[in-house]
């Protein structure tokens, strides 16, 4: 089970002068300790330079900490349960919010990008590209990942 550092642990770490060049990115489930001035957008830029990558970058995120990454991407997506800061990006035309939440939102973003890239054609006669999206295995797996643990146990118990 994952758990983020407590607020007291973070304050104690950042109060230590030996760590004055560090910053924290924290959520309810995890904590990242990074160099000051580092964010996910800087990470995207670094990876693009390091890999000499000149093709479009697609990113999906839902939180305030994801805004810099979404801004750095050529195509930015967010699930329906995204933060107000991400919604502001969408109002400026810098992010596409899909109509699904959480993991199923990730799948909806991937489907949208594939359709808009012309990489996938739902009407294709090629059976390798034809699938029933609503009932697909991937869709089921992602929906399961979004279930609350207790609800998932109940479903498994009665299945």
Foldseek 3Di string as FASTA:
>chain_A
DFAADDPVVQVVQCVDPVLVQWDWDDDGGYIDIGGPPDALLVVVVVVCVVVVPDDFFEEEDAEPSCVSVLQNGPAYEYEPNHDPVVVVCVVVVSYHYDDHDDLLSVVVVVVVVCVVVVVADCPDPPVVRHDDVVPDPSNVVSVLVPDDPVVNVVVVVVD
